[in-house]
Amino acid sequence: TTYNEAMKKLEFDPPDVLLCDLRLEGDPKLGLAVANYALSISQVKLVIMISADEISKDEVPIGVEICAGRDKFNVELIHASICNKAIMRGKI
């Protein structure tokens, strides 16, 4: 999706979990802006940042999970991130 589409979706129909590409439209600033906005919305429970490149924890806002490099689309790792967040919040 594009930055504008992502922001519109977050504004009108926010998901529980957002899977966001760090380099949205090729620009990491756009991906970070979407992640920051998503974290400010109470309906969004978890933001997972993906990238083909490695991502440092220092690059993303606190509370964002990372799936990068070879793990970019590792379904088991993404599922584990969602489960860990749910456990931490006492939902499981």
N, C-alpha and C. Protein backbone atom coordinates (compact mmCIF):
# COMPACT_ATOMS: atom_id res chain seq x y z
N THR A 1 0.83 -1.18 0.00
CA THR A 1 0.00 0.00 0.00
C THR A 1 0.88 1.25 0.00
N THR A 2 0.29 2.36 -0.26
CA THR A 2 1.02 3.62 -0.21
C THR A 2 0.90 4.23 1.18
N TYR A 3 1.69 5.25 1.42
CA TYR A 3 1.63 5.97 2.70
C TYR A 3 0.23 6.52 2.92
N ASN A 4 -0.33 7.19 1.91
CA ASN A 4 -1.66 7.79 2.05
C ASN A 4 -2.73 6.74 2.31
N GLU A 5 -2.67 5.61 1.62
CA GLU A 5 -3.64 4.54 1.85
C GLU A 5 -3.51 3.97 3.26
N ALA A 6 -2.28 3.80 3.72
CA ALA A 6 -2.05 3.27 5.07
C ALA A 6 -2.60 4.22 6.13
N MET A 7 -2.34 5.50 5.97
CA MET A 7 -2.81 6.47 6.95
C MET A 7 -4.34 6.54 6.95
N LYS A 8 -4.95 6.47 5.77
CA LYS A 8 -6.41 6.49 5.67
C LYS A 8 -7.01 5.26 6.35
N LYS A 9 -6.42 4.10 6.09
CA LYS A 9 -6.89 2.86 6.70
C LYS A 9 -6.79 2.95 8.23
N LEU A 10 -5.68 3.47 8.72
CA LEU A 10 -5.50 3.61 10.17
C LEU A 10 -6.52 4.57 10.77
N GLU A 11 -6.84 5.61 10.03
CA GLU A 11 -7.78 6.61 10.53
C GLU A 11 -9.21 6.09 10.59
N PHE A 12 -9.62 5.35 9.56
CA PHE A 12 -11.03 4.96 9.46
C PHE A 12 -11.33 3.52 9.86
N ASP A 13 -10.36 2.63 9.77
CA ASP A 13 -10.59 1.22 10.11
C ASP A 13 -9.30 0.58 10.61
N PRO A 14 -8.81 1.01 11.78
CA PRO A 14 -7.52 0.52 12.26
C PRO A 14 -7.56 -0.97 12.60
N PRO A 15 -6.50 -1.70 12.26
CA PRO A 15 -6.44 -3.13 12.57
C PRO A 15 -5.95 -3.34 14.01
N ASP A 16 -6.08 -4.56 14.50
CA ASP A 16 -5.50 -4.90 15.80
C ASP A 16 -3.98 -5.00 15.69
N VAL A 17 -3.51 -5.58 14.57
CA VAL A 17 -2.09 -5.77 14.34
C VAL A 17 -1.74 -5.15 12.99
N LEU A 18 -0.69 -4.34 12.98
CA LEU A 18 -0.24 -3.70 11.74
C LEU A 18 1.11 -4.27 11.35
N LEU A 19 1.19 -4.81 10.15
CA LEU A 19 2.44 -5.27 9.56
C LEU A 19 2.87 -4.18 8.60
N CYS A 20 3.98 -3.50 8.90
CA CYS A 20 4.37 -2.30 8.16
C CYS A 20 5.77 -2.45 7.60
N ASP A 21 5.94 -2.12 6.33
CA ASP A 21 7.26 -2.14 5.70
C ASP A 21 8.04 -0.90 6.13
N LEU A 22 9.26 -1.10 6.62
CA LEU A 22 10.09 0.03 7.04
C LEU A 22 10.28 1.01 5.89
N ARG A 23 10.55 0.49 4.72
CA ARG A 23 10.81 1.36 3.56
C ARG A 23 9.55 1.49 2.70
N LEU A 24 8.50 2.00 3.31
CA LEU A 24 7.25 2.21 2.61
C LEU A 24 7.49 3.18 1.46
N GLU A 25 7.10 2.78 0.27
CA GLU A 25 7.36 3.56 -0.94
C GLU A 25 8.85 3.86 -1.10
N GLY A 26 9.70 2.99 -0.52
CA GLY A 26 11.14 3.16 -0.62
C GLY A 26 11.74 4.14 0.38
N ASP A 27 10.92 4.69 1.26
CA ASP A 27 11.38 5.72 2.19
C ASP A 27 11.15 5.28 3.64
N PRO A 28 12.22 5.05 4.40
CA PRO A 28 12.03 4.61 5.79
C PRO A 28 11.30 5.64 6.65
N LYS A 29 11.38 6.91 6.30
CA LYS A 29 10.67 7.93 7.09
C LYS A 29 9.16 7.73 7.00
N LEU A 30 8.67 7.29 5.84
CA LEU A 30 7.24 7.05 5.69
C LEU A 30 6.80 5.84 6.50
N GLY A 31 7.58 4.77 6.48
CA GLY A 31 7.26 3.59 7.27
C GLY A 31 7.24 3.91 8.77
N LEU A 32 8.21 4.69 9.21
CA LEU A 32 8.26 5.08 10.63
C LEU A 32 7.09 5.99 10.99
N ALA A 33 6.69 6.87 10.08
CA ALA A 33 5.55 7.75 10.35
C ALA A 33 4.27 6.94 10.51
N VAL A 34 4.08 5.93 9.67
CA VAL A 34 2.90 5.07 9.78
C VAL A 34 2.93 4.31 11.10
N ALA A 35 4.10 3.76 11.47
CA ALA A 35 4.23 3.02 12.73
C ALA A 35 3.94 3.92 13.92
N ASN A 36 4.49 5.12 13.92
CA ASN A 36 4.25 6.05 15.03
C ASN A 36 2.78 6.41 15.15
N TYR A 37 2.14 6.66 14.03
CA TYR A 37 0.72 7.00 14.05
C TYR A 37 -0.10 5.81 14.55
N ALA A 38 0.25 4.61 14.09
CA ALA A 38 -0.48 3.41 14.51
C ALA A 38 -0.37 3.21 16.02
N LEU A 39 0.81 3.47 16.58
CA LEU A 39 1.00 3.30 18.02
C LEU A 39 0.16 4.28 18.84
N SER A 40 -0.25 5.38 18.22
CA SER A 40 -1.05 6.37 18.93
C SER A 40 -2.54 6.03 18.93
N ILE A 41 -2.93 5.01 18.19
CA ILE A 41 -4.33 4.61 18.08
C ILE A 41 -4.58 3.44 19.02
N SER A 42 -5.55 3.58 19.90
CA SER A 42 -5.78 2.55 20.92
C SER A 42 -6.20 1.20 20.33
N GLN A 43 -6.85 1.19 19.18
CA GLN A 43 -7.29 -0.08 18.59
C GLN A 43 -6.11 -0.92 18.11
N VAL A 44 -5.00 -0.28 17.73
CA VAL A 44 -3.83 -1.00 17.24
C VAL A 44 -3.07 -1.55 18.45
N LYS A 45 -3.03 -2.85 18.57
CA LYS A 45 -2.41 -3.50 19.72
C LYS A 45 -0.94 -3.82 19.49
N LEU A 46 -0.54 -3.98 18.23
CA LEU A 46 0.83 -4.38 17.92
C LEU A 46 1.21 -3.88 16.54
N VAL A 47 2.44 -3.36 16.44
CA VAL A 47 3.01 -2.97 15.15
C VAL A 47 4.24 -3.84 14.93
N ILE A 48 4.27 -4.52 13.78
CA ILE A 48 5.42 -5.33 13.40
C ILE A 48 6.04 -4.67 12.18
N MET A 49 7.31 -4.29 12.29
CA MET A 49 8.02 -3.64 11.20
C MET A 49 8.80 -4.69 10.42
N ILE A 50 8.62 -4.71 9.11
CA ILE A 50 9.34 -5.67 8.27
C ILE A 50 10.28 -4.92 7.33
N SER A 51 11.35 -5.61 6.95
CA SER A 51 12.30 -5.05 5.99
C SER A 51 13.18 -6.18 5.46
N ALA A 52 13.56 -6.09 4.20
CA ALA A 52 14.51 -7.06 3.64
C ALA A 52 15.89 -6.84 4.26
N ASP A 53 16.17 -5.62 4.69
CA ASP A 53 17.43 -5.30 5.36
C ASP A 53 17.26 -5.51 6.86
N GLU A 54 18.36 -5.60 7.57
CA GLU A 54 18.31 -5.70 9.02
C GLU A 54 17.81 -4.36 9.60
N ILE A 55 17.10 -4.42 10.71
CA ILE A 55 16.60 -3.22 11.39
C ILE A 55 17.14 -3.23 12.81
N SER A 56 17.72 -2.13 13.21
CA SER A 56 18.19 -1.99 14.58
C SER A 56 17.01 -1.57 15.46
N LYS A 57 16.99 -2.06 16.70
CA LYS A 57 15.94 -1.64 17.65
C LYS A 57 15.94 -0.13 17.82
N ASP A 58 17.10 0.51 17.62
CA ASP A 58 17.20 1.97 17.75
C ASP A 58 16.49 2.72 16.62
N GLU A 59 16.22 2.01 15.51
CA GLU A 59 15.59 2.64 14.35
C GLU A 59 14.09 2.80 14.50
N VAL A 60 13.47 1.95 15.32
CA VAL A 60 12.01 1.93 15.39
C VAL A 60 11.53 2.41 16.76
N PRO A 61 10.30 2.89 16.83
CA PRO A 61 9.75 3.33 18.11
C PRO A 61 9.66 2.18 19.12
N ILE A 62 9.70 2.51 20.39
CA ILE A 62 9.55 1.52 21.44
C ILE A 62 8.19 0.85 21.30
N GLY A 63 8.18 -0.46 21.41
CA GLY A 63 6.94 -1.21 21.30
C GLY A 63 6.72 -1.84 19.94
N VAL A 64 7.58 -1.51 18.98
CA VAL A 64 7.45 -2.10 17.64
C VAL A 64 8.29 -3.37 17.58
N GLU A 65 7.68 -4.45 17.12
CA GLU A 65 8.41 -5.71 16.92
C GLU A 65 9.07 -5.66 15.55
N ILE A 66 10.14 -6.43 15.38
CA ILE A 66 10.91 -6.40 14.14
C ILE A 66 10.98 -7.79 13.52
N CYS A 67 10.72 -7.87 12.22
CA CYS A 67 10.95 -9.06 11.41
C CYS A 67 11.72 -8.59 10.18
N ALA A 68 13.00 -8.88 10.16
CA ALA A 68 13.84 -8.32 9.10
C ALA A 68 14.76 -9.37 8.49
N GLY A 69 15.37 -8.99 7.38
CA GLY A 69 16.29 -9.88 6.70
C GLY A 69 15.59 -11.14 6.25
N ARG A 70 16.21 -12.28 6.53
CA ARG A 70 15.63 -13.56 6.12
C ARG A 70 14.30 -13.83 6.80
N ASP A 71 14.05 -13.17 7.95
CA ASP A 71 12.81 -13.40 8.70
C ASP A 71 11.67 -12.49 8.26
N LYS A 72 11.88 -11.69 7.21
CA LYS A 72 10.88 -10.69 6.81
C LYS A 72 9.47 -11.28 6.72
N PHE A 73 9.35 -12.43 6.13
CA PHE A 73 8.03 -13.05 6.01
C PHE A 73 7.98 -14.40 6.72
N ASN A 74 8.70 -14.50 7.83
CA ASN A 74 8.69 -15.72 8.63
C ASN A 74 7.39 -15.75 9.43
N VAL A 75 6.43 -16.51 8.94
CA VAL A 75 5.10 -16.54 9.54
C VAL A 75 5.16 -16.98 11.00
N GLU A 76 6.01 -17.95 11.31
CA GLU A 76 6.11 -18.42 12.69
C GLU A 76 6.63 -17.32 13.62
N LEU A 77 7.60 -16.54 13.16
CA LEU A 77 8.14 -15.45 13.98
C LEU A 77 7.09 -14.35 14.15
N ILE A 78 6.38 -14.03 13.10
CA ILE A 78 5.32 -13.02 13.19
C ILE A 78 4.22 -13.50 14.14
N HIS A 79 3.83 -14.76 14.01
CA HIS A 79 2.81 -15.32 14.90
C HIS A 79 3.30 -15.30 16.35
N ALA A 80 4.57 -15.64 16.59
CA ALA A 80 5.13 -15.61 17.94
C ALA A 80 5.11 -14.20 18.51
N SER A 81 5.39 -13.19 17.69
CA SER A 81 5.35 -11.80 18.15
C SER A 81 3.95 -11.42 18.60
N ILE A 82 2.96 -11.84 17.85
CA ILE A 82 1.57 -11.54 18.20
C ILE A 82 1.19 -12.26 19.50
N CYS A 83 1.56 -13.53 19.62
CA CYS A 83 1.24 -14.29 20.83
C CYS A 83 1.95 -13.73 22.05
N ASN A 84 3.23 -13.36 21.90
CA ASN A 84 3.98 -12.79 23.03
C ASN A 84 3.34 -11.49 23.52
N LYS A 85 2.91 -10.65 22.61
CA LYS A 85 2.27 -9.39 22.98
C LYS A 85 0.94 -9.67 23.70
N ALA A 86 0.18 -10.64 23.21
CA ALA A 86 -1.08 -11.00 23.84
C ALA A 86 -0.85 -11.55 25.25
N ILE A 87 0.17 -12.36 25.41
CA ILE A 87 0.49 -12.92 26.73
C ILE A 87 0.88 -11.80 27.69
N MET A 88 1.71 -10.86 27.21
CA MET A 88 2.16 -9.75 28.05
C MET A 88 0.97 -8.88 28.50
N ARG A 89 -0.04 -8.78 27.67
CA ARG A 89 -1.21 -7.99 28.01
C ARG A 89 -2.27 -8.79 28.76
N GLY A 90 -1.96 -10.05 29.04
CA GLY A 90 -2.90 -10.89 29.79
C GLY A 90 -4.09 -11.35 29.00
N LYS A 91 -3.97 -11.39 27.68
CA LYS A 91 -5.09 -11.81 26.83
C LYS A 91 -5.12 -13.30 26.60
N ILE A 92 -4.02 -13.99 26.93
CA ILE A 92 -3.98 -15.45 26.73
C ILE A 92 -3.65 -16.09 28.07
